[in-house]
Protein backbone atom coordinates (compact mmCIF):
# COMPACT_ATOMS: atom_id res chain seq x y z
CA UNK A 1 49.10 -49.31 -64.63
CA UNK A 2 49.86 -45.88 -63.21
CA UNK A 3 48.04 -44.54 -60.18
CA UNK A 4 46.01 -41.40 -60.73
CA UNK A 5 46.43 -40.18 -57.15
CA UNK A 6 49.37 -38.94 -55.11
CA UNK A 7 52.11 -40.79 -53.25
CA UNK A 8 52.21 -40.65 -49.46
CA UNK A 9 55.06 -39.21 -47.35
CA UNK A 10 57.43 -42.01 -46.41
CA UNK A 11 56.55 -44.06 -49.49
CA UNK A 12 59.30 -45.41 -51.73
CA UNK A 13 58.75 -44.61 -55.40
CA UNK A 14 60.45 -45.52 -58.66
CA UNK A 15 61.24 -42.73 -61.09
CA UNK A 16 63.40 -41.63 -63.98
CA UNK A 17 65.60 -38.55 -63.76
CA UNK A 18 64.49 -36.32 -66.62
CA UNK A 19 66.15 -33.01 -65.74
CA UNK A 20 69.21 -31.97 -63.74
CA UNK A 21 69.74 -28.49 -62.33
CA UNK A 22 72.39 -27.05 -60.04
CA UNK A 23 69.91 -27.07 -57.13
CA UNK A 24 68.72 -30.66 -57.64
CA UNK A 25 67.08 -33.12 -60.01
CA UNK A 26 63.55 -33.63 -61.30
CA UNK A 27 62.19 -37.17 -61.32
CA UNK A 28 59.32 -38.48 -63.44
CA UNK A 29 57.44 -40.96 -61.25
CA UNK A 30 56.93 -44.27 -63.04
CA UNK A 31 53.99 -45.40 -60.92
CA UNK A 32 51.90 -42.21 -60.93
CA UNK A 33 50.18 -40.45 -63.81
CA UNK A 34 51.61 -37.05 -64.66
CA UNK A 35 53.50 -36.80 -61.38
CA UNK A 36 56.98 -35.33 -61.07
CA UNK A 37 59.09 -34.90 -57.97
CA UNK A 38 62.09 -32.81 -56.98
CA UNK A 39 65.18 -34.13 -55.24
CA UNK A 40 66.99 -31.15 -53.70
CA UNK A 41 70.77 -31.28 -54.03
CA UNK A 42 71.03 -31.95 -50.30
CA UNK A 43 68.92 -35.11 -50.75
CA UNK A 44 70.79 -36.55 -53.75
CA UNK A 45 73.66 -38.11 -51.79
CA UNK A 46 75.26 -37.97 -48.36
CA UNK A 47 78.01 -35.45 -47.78
CA UNK A 48 78.92 -32.31 -49.65
CA UNK A 49 78.04 -32.28 -53.34
CA UNK A 50 80.04 -30.11 -55.71
CA UNK A 51 78.38 -31.25 -58.93
CA UNK A 52 75.04 -33.08 -59.02
CA UNK A 53 76.02 -34.81 -62.27
CA UNK A 54 78.80 -36.62 -60.43
CA UNK A 55 76.08 -38.60 -58.65
CA UNK A 56 73.16 -38.95 -61.08
CA UNK A 57 72.49 -38.68 -64.79
CA UNK A 58 69.51 -38.01 -66.99
CA UNK A 59 67.55 -41.12 -67.92
CA UNK A 60 68.70 -42.96 -64.77
CA UNK A 61 66.09 -45.03 -62.92
CA UNK A 62 66.14 -44.27 -59.20
CA UNK A 63 64.27 -45.20 -56.05
CA UNK A 64 63.39 -42.23 -53.89
CA UNK A 65 61.66 -41.66 -50.57
CA UNK A 66 58.73 -39.24 -50.54
CA UNK A 67 59.48 -36.48 -48.01
CA UNK A 68 56.51 -34.20 -48.54
CA UNK A 69 53.51 -33.80 -50.85
CA UNK A 70 51.78 -30.48 -51.50
CA UNK A 71 48.87 -31.15 -53.84
CA UNK A 72 47.85 -27.49 -54.01
CA UNK A 73 51.20 -26.49 -55.49
CA UNK A 74 51.63 -29.80 -57.35
CA UNK A 75 54.93 -30.40 -55.55
CA UNK A 76 56.48 -33.66 -54.39
CA UNK A 77 59.73 -33.51 -52.44
CA UNK A 78 61.93 -36.59 -52.68
CA UNK A 79 65.13 -38.00 -51.24
CA UNK A 80 67.48 -40.43 -52.93
CA UNK A 81 70.05 -40.56 -50.14
CA UNK A 82 67.49 -41.82 -47.59
CA UNK A 83 67.03 -45.09 -49.50
CA UNK A 84 69.39 -47.93 -48.60
CA UNK A 85 70.55 -50.68 -50.94
CA UNK A 86 68.09 -53.25 -49.57
CA UNK A 87 65.13 -50.90 -49.97
CA UNK A 88 66.28 -49.95 -53.46
CA UNK A 89 66.55 -53.57 -54.57
CA UNK A 90 63.18 -54.58 -53.11
CA UNK A 91 61.37 -51.57 -54.55
CA UNK A 92 62.80 -52.08 -58.03
CA UNK A 93 61.76 -55.75 -57.91
CA UNK A 94 58.24 -54.84 -56.82
CA UNK A 95 58.02 -52.29 -59.64
CA UNK A 96 59.18 -54.88 -62.17
CA UNK A 97 56.60 -57.31 -60.81
CA UNK A 98 53.86 -54.74 -61.31
CA UNK A 99 55.03 -54.20 -64.88
CA UNK A 100 54.61 -57.93 -65.44
CA UNK A 101 51.15 -57.77 -63.90
CA UNK A 102 50.24 -54.90 -66.24
CA UNK A 103 51.13 -57.15 -69.16
CA UNK A 104 49.01 -59.96 -67.72
CA UNK A 105 46.08 -57.56 -67.46
CA UNK A 106 46.41 -56.82 -71.17
CA UNK A 107 46.57 -60.55 -71.91
CA UNK A 108 43.48 -61.22 -69.80
CA UNK A 109 41.52 -58.32 -71.29
CA UNK A 110 42.90 -57.60 -74.78
CA UNK A 111 39.80 -55.63 -75.78
CA UNK A 112 39.24 -53.81 -72.48
CA UNK A 113 39.22 -50.02 -72.44
CA UNK A 114 41.13 -47.96 -69.89
CA UNK A 115 38.06 -47.38 -67.72
CA UNK A 116 37.22 -51.09 -67.50
CA UNK A 117 40.82 -52.10 -66.82
CA UNK A 118 41.13 -49.48 -64.11
CA UNK A 119 37.97 -50.73 -62.39
CA UNK A 120 39.20 -54.34 -62.49
CA UNK A 121 42.67 -53.34 -61.28
CA UNK A 122 41.21 -51.33 -58.40
CA UNK A 123 39.13 -54.33 -57.31
CA UNK A 124 42.25 -56.52 -57.28
CA UNK A 125 44.29 -53.86 -55.47
CA UNK A 126 41.61 -53.50 -52.80
CA UNK A 127 41.92 -57.21 -52.00
CA UNK A 128 45.65 -57.86 -52.49
CA UNK A 129 47.48 -54.53 -52.43
CA UNK A 130 49.34 -55.22 -55.68
CA UNK A 131 48.31 -56.60 -59.06
CA UNK A 132 51.22 -59.03 -58.98
CA UNK A 133 50.02 -60.57 -55.71
CA UNK A 134 46.50 -60.92 -57.14
CA UNK A 135 47.74 -62.78 -60.21
CA UNK A 136 50.14 -64.93 -58.18
CA UNK A 137 47.36 -66.00 -55.80
CA UNK A 138 45.08 -66.65 -58.79
CA UNK A 139 47.73 -68.90 -60.34
CA UNK A 140 48.06 -70.88 -57.11
CA UNK A 141 44.47 -71.01 -55.83
CA UNK A 142 42.44 -70.46 -59.00
CA UNK A 143 38.93 -69.03 -58.75
CA UNK A 144 38.97 -69.42 -54.97
CA UNK A 145 41.55 -66.63 -54.73
CA UNK A 146 39.07 -64.15 -56.20
CA UNK A 147 35.94 -65.18 -54.27
CA UNK A 148 36.01 -61.99 -52.23
CA UNK A 149 36.84 -59.65 -55.10
CA UNK A 150 34.11 -57.47 -56.63
CA UNK A 151 34.39 -58.83 -60.18
CA UNK A 152 32.10 -60.50 -62.70
CA UNK A 153 32.45 -64.26 -63.30
CA UNK A 154 33.83 -63.77 -66.80
CA UNK A 155 36.42 -61.31 -65.47
CA UNK A 156 37.52 -63.81 -62.84
CA UNK A 157 37.74 -66.53 -65.51
CA UNK A 158 39.98 -64.31 -67.64
CA UNK A 159 42.28 -63.42 -64.75
CA UNK A 160 42.70 -67.03 -63.61
CA UNK A 161 43.39 -68.22 -67.16
CA UNK A 162 45.99 -65.49 -67.75
CA UNK A 163 47.57 -66.14 -64.35
CA UNK A 164 47.92 -69.87 -64.87
CA UNK A 165 49.31 -69.37 -68.36
CA UNK A 166 51.87 -66.73 -67.42
CA UNK A 167 52.74 -66.63 -63.70
CA UNK A 168 55.72 -68.66 -62.54
CA UNK A 169 54.76 -69.94 -59.10
CA UNK A 170 57.52 -71.10 -56.71
CA UNK A 171 56.50 -74.70 -56.03
CA UNK A 172 58.13 -77.36 -53.89
CA UNK A 173 58.00 -81.11 -54.41
CA UNK A 174 58.00 -83.85 -51.76
CA UNK A 175 57.94 -87.61 -52.25
CA UNK A 176 56.79 -90.59 -50.21
CA UNK A 177 55.94 -94.24 -50.79
CA UNK A 178 53.12 -96.56 -49.86
CA UNK A 179 53.15 -100.37 -49.80
CA UNK A 180 49.81 -101.94 -50.71
CA UNK A 181 48.97 -105.64 -50.57
CA UNK A 182 45.68 -107.53 -50.75
CA UNK A 183 45.63 -111.34 -50.43
CA UNK A 184 42.06 -111.71 -51.70
CA UNK A 185 40.97 -112.88 -55.13
CA UNK A 186 40.24 -109.26 -56.07
CA UNK A 187 43.68 -108.10 -54.99
CA UNK A 188 44.39 -106.07 -58.14
CA UNK A 189 41.09 -104.23 -57.91
CA UNK A 190 41.60 -103.65 -54.20
CA UNK A 191 44.95 -101.99 -54.84
CA UNK A 192 43.43 -99.85 -57.63
CA UNK A 193 40.76 -98.70 -55.20
CA UNK A 194 43.42 -97.77 -52.63
CA UNK A 195 45.39 -95.86 -55.28
CA UNK A 196 42.29 -93.92 -56.24
CA UNK A 197 41.90 -93.00 -52.60
CA UNK A 198 45.54 -91.89 -52.52
CA UNK A 199 44.87 -89.61 -55.49
CA UNK A 200 42.12 -87.91 -53.51
CA UNK A 201 39.10 -88.90 -55.60
CA UNK A 202 39.08 -85.43 -57.18
CA UNK A 203 39.20 -83.56 -53.85
CA UNK A 204 42.84 -82.45 -53.87
CA UNK A 205 43.15 -78.62 -53.72
CA UNK A 206 43.65 -76.85 -57.04
CA UNK A 207 47.08 -75.56 -56.06
CA UNK A 208 48.36 -79.09 -55.40
CA UNK A 209 49.61 -81.53 -58.03
CA UNK A 210 49.47 -85.12 -56.72
CA UNK A 211 50.93 -87.95 -58.79
CA UNK A 212 50.82 -91.67 -57.93
CA UNK A 213 53.12 -94.02 -59.88
CA UNK A 214 54.09 -97.69 -59.72
CA UNK A 215 57.60 -98.45 -58.47
CA UNK A 216 57.70 -102.22 -57.98
CA UNK A 217 55.31 -104.52 -56.20
CA UNK A 218 54.07 -103.76 -53.59
CA UNK A 219 55.42 -100.20 -53.64
CA UNK A 220 53.93 -97.04 -55.16
CA UNK A 221 55.41 -93.56 -55.28
CA UNK A 222 53.44 -90.51 -54.08
CA UNK A 223 54.78 -87.21 -55.41
CA UNK A 224 53.21 -83.93 -54.29
CA UNK A 225 53.91 -80.53 -55.82
CA UNK A 226 52.58 -77.56 -53.84
CA UNK A 227 53.25 -73.83 -53.25
CA UNK A 228 55.00 -74.44 -49.91
CA UNK A 229 56.41 -77.26 -47.77
CA UNK A 230 53.67 -77.12 -45.17
CA UNK A 231 50.97 -77.75 -47.77
CA UNK A 232 53.07 -80.34 -49.62
CA UNK A 233 53.86 -82.34 -46.49
CA UNK A 234 50.24 -82.26 -45.32
CA UNK A 235 48.92 -83.47 -48.66
CA UNK A 236 51.57 -86.19 -48.86
CA UNK A 237 50.73 -87.53 -45.40
CA UNK A 238 47.00 -87.40 -46.15
CA UNK A 239 47.48 -89.20 -49.46
CA UNK A 240 49.39 -92.03 -47.79
CA UNK A 241 46.84 -92.25 -45.00
CA UNK A 242 43.94 -92.49 -47.46
CA UNK A 243 45.63 -95.33 -49.32
CA UNK A 244 46.40 -97.30 -46.16
CA UNK A 245 42.89 -96.79 -44.77
CA UNK A 246 41.33 -97.90 -48.04
CA UNK A 247 43.37 -101.10 -48.42
CA UNK A 248 42.96 -102.08 -44.76
CA UNK A 249 39.25 -101.43 -45.00
CA UNK A 250 38.91 -104.23 -47.54
CA UNK A 251 41.12 -106.73 -45.75
CA UNK A 252 44.52 -105.80 -47.18
CA UNK A 253 47.65 -104.32 -45.65
CA UNK A 254 49.26 -100.96 -46.24
CA UNK A 255 52.13 -98.86 -44.96
CA UNK A 256 53.23 -95.33 -45.78
CA UNK A 257 56.95 -94.46 -45.61
CA UNK A 258 59.29 -91.75 -46.87
CA UNK A 259 62.23 -93.86 -48.13
CA UNK A 260 62.20 -96.09 -51.16
CA UNK A 261 62.61 -99.78 -50.26
CA UNK A 262 62.67 -101.59 -53.61
CA UNK A 263 65.65 -101.77 -55.93
CA UNK A 264 66.40 -98.67 -57.99
CA UNK A 265 64.65 -98.43 -61.32
């Protein structure tokens, strides 16, 4: 979506050069509705400039720094030379991310009109700053991510569904093992009960994928997939602890460890 307002001085904006004059270049701002800025020749590049076209060309996408905004005269002064390579790369990536988020909005609300989509987008922006961040958090945390957002339940449902179908979340995976033994006559059932405890009994956070698999008696593999290592490690340790506590609570023995001890599969 494009913002209907004005950029702020100091802000980095993405635009397309649509006109070149001897005194500078005009830039159509990609993120703002009907907004156009001017880059004076002295702000196009460092050093003396003989010909502006030696440095920029029409149709080129640029990142510029907003120097001044005069709403009364509809003028936005920009600088290209004040943007370093790192800022340029980050800003372009953020812009591309917002373009993705715009597409996800259309997927979530295929029949929504501009007014409705703007209201939903503004609610997400108020909470997260960018649409991309709102969808990314929704993909990771589900409905919980939107608890504080001023949206209807059906709107939240649509956003979460679109996020989880389309957002690629950077997950990490950690693995551990737990040995479970029960000498009693109900040993098999005891181990099953401990494995259910390891799986969390349905209380594992939505953003965490916890898988328990058999390796070779008495060893079981615990594999946790989570958005970051801190969460993954915590959930892995808690899973192992639940299994050990459960098996020991019914007279068995258990031990959690990080390295595999049985022969390779």
